[in-house]
C-alpha cells in the first residue's frame, strides 16, 4: 500500500508540472491567434414595468 502511494506521488507531480507547462504554451498560442476584442461603447437598455394598481394606491 505504501509503495503504491509513493509511486502515485512520485509520478503525479512531474505529470502535473509537464501538463501545466504544455497547456500554458497552448494558451499562449491561442491568445496570439485570437486577439482580445476592443471594448466599444455599450448600449444600455432599461426596461421599466408600468406600476401596478397597488403601487398606484400607495403613491396617492
N, C-alpha and C. Protein backbone atom coordinates (compact mmCIF):
# COMPACT_ATOMS: atom_id res chain seq x y z
N UNK A 1 0.82 -1.18 0.00
CA UNK A 1 0.00 0.00 0.00
C UNK A 1 0.87 1.25 0.00
N UNK A 2 1.89 1.30 0.86
CA UNK A 2 2.74 2.47 0.92
C UNK A 2 3.52 2.67 -0.38
N UNK A 3 3.87 1.56 -0.99
CA UNK A 3 4.62 1.65 -2.25
C UNK A 3 3.75 2.29 -3.34
N UNK A 4 2.48 1.92 -3.39
CA UNK A 4 1.60 2.50 -4.41
C UNK A 4 1.35 3.99 -4.13
N UNK A 5 1.22 4.38 -2.88
CA UNK A 5 1.04 5.80 -2.56
C UNK A 5 2.27 6.61 -2.94
N UNK A 6 3.45 6.10 -2.66
CA UNK A 6 4.69 6.79 -3.02
C UNK A 6 4.81 6.86 -4.54
N UNK A 7 4.48 5.77 -5.23
CA UNK A 7 4.56 5.76 -6.69
C UNK A 7 3.60 6.79 -7.30
N UNK A 8 2.40 6.87 -6.76
CA UNK A 8 1.44 7.86 -7.26
C UNK A 8 1.98 9.27 -7.03
N UNK A 9 2.52 9.52 -5.86
CA UNK A 9 3.08 10.84 -5.57
C UNK A 9 4.25 11.19 -6.46
N UNK A 10 5.14 10.23 -6.67
CA UNK A 10 6.33 10.47 -7.48
C UNK A 10 5.97 10.66 -8.96
N UNK A 11 5.00 9.93 -9.44
CA UNK A 11 4.63 10.03 -10.85
C UNK A 11 3.66 11.18 -11.15
N UNK A 12 2.83 11.52 -10.19
CA UNK A 12 1.82 12.55 -10.47
C UNK A 12 2.41 13.96 -10.49
N UNK A 13 3.39 14.24 -9.65
CA UNK A 13 3.94 15.59 -9.60
C UNK A 13 4.59 15.97 -10.93
N UNK A 14 5.50 15.17 -11.50
CA UNK A 14 6.06 15.56 -12.80
C UNK A 14 4.99 15.62 -13.91
N UNK A 15 4.03 14.70 -13.87
CA UNK A 15 2.98 14.72 -14.87
C UNK A 15 2.20 16.04 -14.81
N UNK A 16 1.85 16.47 -13.62
CA UNK A 16 1.10 17.72 -13.47
C UNK A 16 1.93 18.90 -13.94
N UNK A 17 3.21 18.92 -13.58
CA UNK A 17 4.06 20.04 -13.99
C UNK A 17 4.24 20.08 -15.51
N UNK A 18 4.42 18.93 -16.13
CA UNK A 18 4.56 18.88 -17.59
C UNK A 18 3.25 19.29 -18.26
N UNK A 19 2.15 18.80 -17.74
CA UNK A 19 0.83 19.16 -18.28
C UNK A 19 0.62 20.67 -18.17
N UNK A 20 0.95 21.23 -17.03
CA UNK A 20 0.79 22.65 -16.79
C UNK A 20 1.63 23.45 -17.78
N UNK A 21 2.88 23.05 -18.00
CA UNK A 21 3.77 23.73 -18.93
C UNK A 21 3.21 23.68 -20.35
N UNK A 22 2.78 22.50 -20.78
CA UNK A 22 2.27 22.35 -22.15
C UNK A 22 0.97 23.13 -22.36
N UNK A 23 0.09 23.10 -21.38
CA UNK A 23 -1.17 23.83 -21.53
C UNK A 23 -0.95 25.34 -21.46
N UNK A 24 0.06 25.79 -20.75
CA UNK A 24 0.39 27.21 -20.73
C UNK A 24 0.90 27.65 -22.10
N UNK A 25 1.70 26.81 -22.73
CA UNK A 25 2.17 27.10 -24.08
C UNK A 25 0.99 27.14 -25.05
N UNK A 26 0.08 26.20 -24.90
CA UNK A 26 -1.09 26.16 -25.78
C UNK A 26 -1.94 27.42 -25.60
N UNK A 27 -2.13 27.84 -24.34
CA UNK A 27 -2.93 29.03 -24.07
C UNK A 27 -2.26 30.28 -24.66
N UNK A 28 -0.95 30.36 -24.56
CA UNK A 28 -0.25 31.49 -25.16
C UNK A 28 -0.43 31.52 -26.67
N UNK A 29 -0.36 30.36 -27.30
CA UNK A 29 -0.57 30.29 -28.74
C UNK A 29 -1.99 30.70 -29.12
N UNK A 30 -2.97 30.30 -28.31
CA UNK A 30 -4.36 30.69 -28.59
C UNK A 30 -4.55 32.19 -28.43
N UNK A 31 -3.91 32.78 -27.44
CA UNK A 31 -4.02 34.22 -27.24
C UNK A 31 -3.41 34.97 -28.41
N UNK A 32 -2.36 34.43 -28.99
CA UNK A 32 -1.76 35.07 -30.16
C UNK A 32 -2.67 34.94 -31.38
N UNK A 33 -3.35 33.80 -31.49
CA UNK A 33 -4.24 33.59 -32.64
C UNK A 33 -5.47 34.47 -32.57
N UNK A 34 -6.07 34.54 -31.40
CA UNK A 34 -7.32 35.28 -31.24
C UNK A 34 -7.06 36.48 -30.33
N UNK A 35 -6.94 37.63 -30.96
CA UNK A 35 -6.68 38.86 -30.20
C UNK A 35 -7.92 39.22 -29.37
N UNK A 36 -7.72 39.86 -28.22
CA UNK A 36 -8.89 40.26 -27.42
C UNK A 36 -9.69 41.33 -28.15
N UNK A 37 -10.98 41.30 -27.94
CA UNK A 37 -11.86 42.29 -28.57
C UNK A 37 -11.66 43.65 -27.93
N UNK A 38 -11.81 44.68 -28.75
CA UNK A 38 -11.76 46.03 -28.20
C UNK A 38 -13.12 46.36 -27.61
N UNK A 39 -13.10 46.98 -26.47
CA UNK A 39 -14.34 47.33 -25.79
C UNK A 39 -14.83 48.67 -26.33
N UNK A 40 -15.93 48.63 -27.06
CA UNK A 40 -16.54 49.84 -27.58
C UNK A 40 -17.65 50.29 -26.66
N UNK A 41 -18.32 51.36 -27.06
CA UNK A 41 -19.44 51.80 -26.22
C UNK A 41 -20.56 50.76 -26.24
N UNK A 42 -21.13 50.54 -25.09
CA UNK A 42 -22.18 49.54 -24.98
C UNK A 42 -23.52 50.23 -24.84
N UNK A 43 -24.51 49.71 -25.55
CA UNK A 43 -25.86 50.24 -25.45
C UNK A 43 -26.50 49.71 -24.17
N UNK A 44 -27.10 50.62 -23.42
CA UNK A 44 -27.76 50.25 -22.18
C UNK A 44 -29.26 50.32 -22.41
N UNK A 45 -29.95 49.25 -22.11
CA UNK A 45 -31.40 49.20 -22.28
C UNK A 45 -32.01 49.04 -20.89
N UNK A 46 -32.89 49.99 -20.55
CA UNK A 46 -33.58 49.93 -19.27
C UNK A 46 -35.05 49.64 -19.56
N UNK A 47 -35.52 48.52 -19.02
CA UNK A 47 -36.92 48.14 -19.22
C UNK A 47 -37.65 48.37 -17.91
N UNK A 48 -38.65 49.25 -17.99
CA UNK A 48 -39.43 49.53 -16.78
C UNK A 48 -40.83 48.98 -16.97
N UNK A 49 -41.35 48.48 -15.90
CA UNK A 49 -42.69 47.91 -15.90
C UNK A 49 -43.66 48.98 -15.41
N UNK A 50 -44.83 49.10 -16.01
CA UNK A 50 -45.79 50.09 -15.51
C UNK A 50 -46.20 49.75 -14.07
N UNK A 51 -46.50 50.76 -13.28
CA UNK A 51 -46.86 50.49 -11.89
C UNK A 51 -48.15 49.68 -11.79
N UNK A 52 -48.18 48.84 -10.78
CA UNK A 52 -49.38 48.02 -10.54
C UNK A 52 -50.42 48.87 -9.80
N UNK A 53 -51.67 48.45 -9.80
CA UNK A 53 -52.70 49.22 -9.07
C UNK A 53 -52.37 49.39 -7.58
N UNK A 54 -51.75 48.39 -6.98
CA UNK A 54 -51.39 48.51 -5.56
C UNK A 54 -50.33 49.60 -5.36
N UNK A 55 -49.41 49.71 -6.27
CA UNK A 55 -48.40 50.76 -6.16
C UNK A 55 -49.02 52.13 -6.38
N UNK A 56 -50.02 52.22 -7.28
CA UNK A 56 -50.69 53.48 -7.51
C UNK A 56 -51.43 53.95 -6.27
N UNK A 57 -52.05 53.03 -5.53
CA UNK A 57 -52.77 53.40 -4.31
C UNK A 57 -51.82 53.91 -3.26
N UNK A 58 -50.62 53.31 -3.15
CA UNK A 58 -49.65 53.77 -2.15
C UNK A 58 -49.12 55.15 -2.46
N UNK A 59 -48.97 55.47 -3.76
CA UNK A 59 -48.42 56.77 -4.14
C UNK A 59 -49.42 57.89 -4.01
N UNK A 60 -50.72 57.57 -3.97
CA UNK A 60 -51.76 58.63 -3.87
C UNK A 60 -52.06 58.97 -2.46
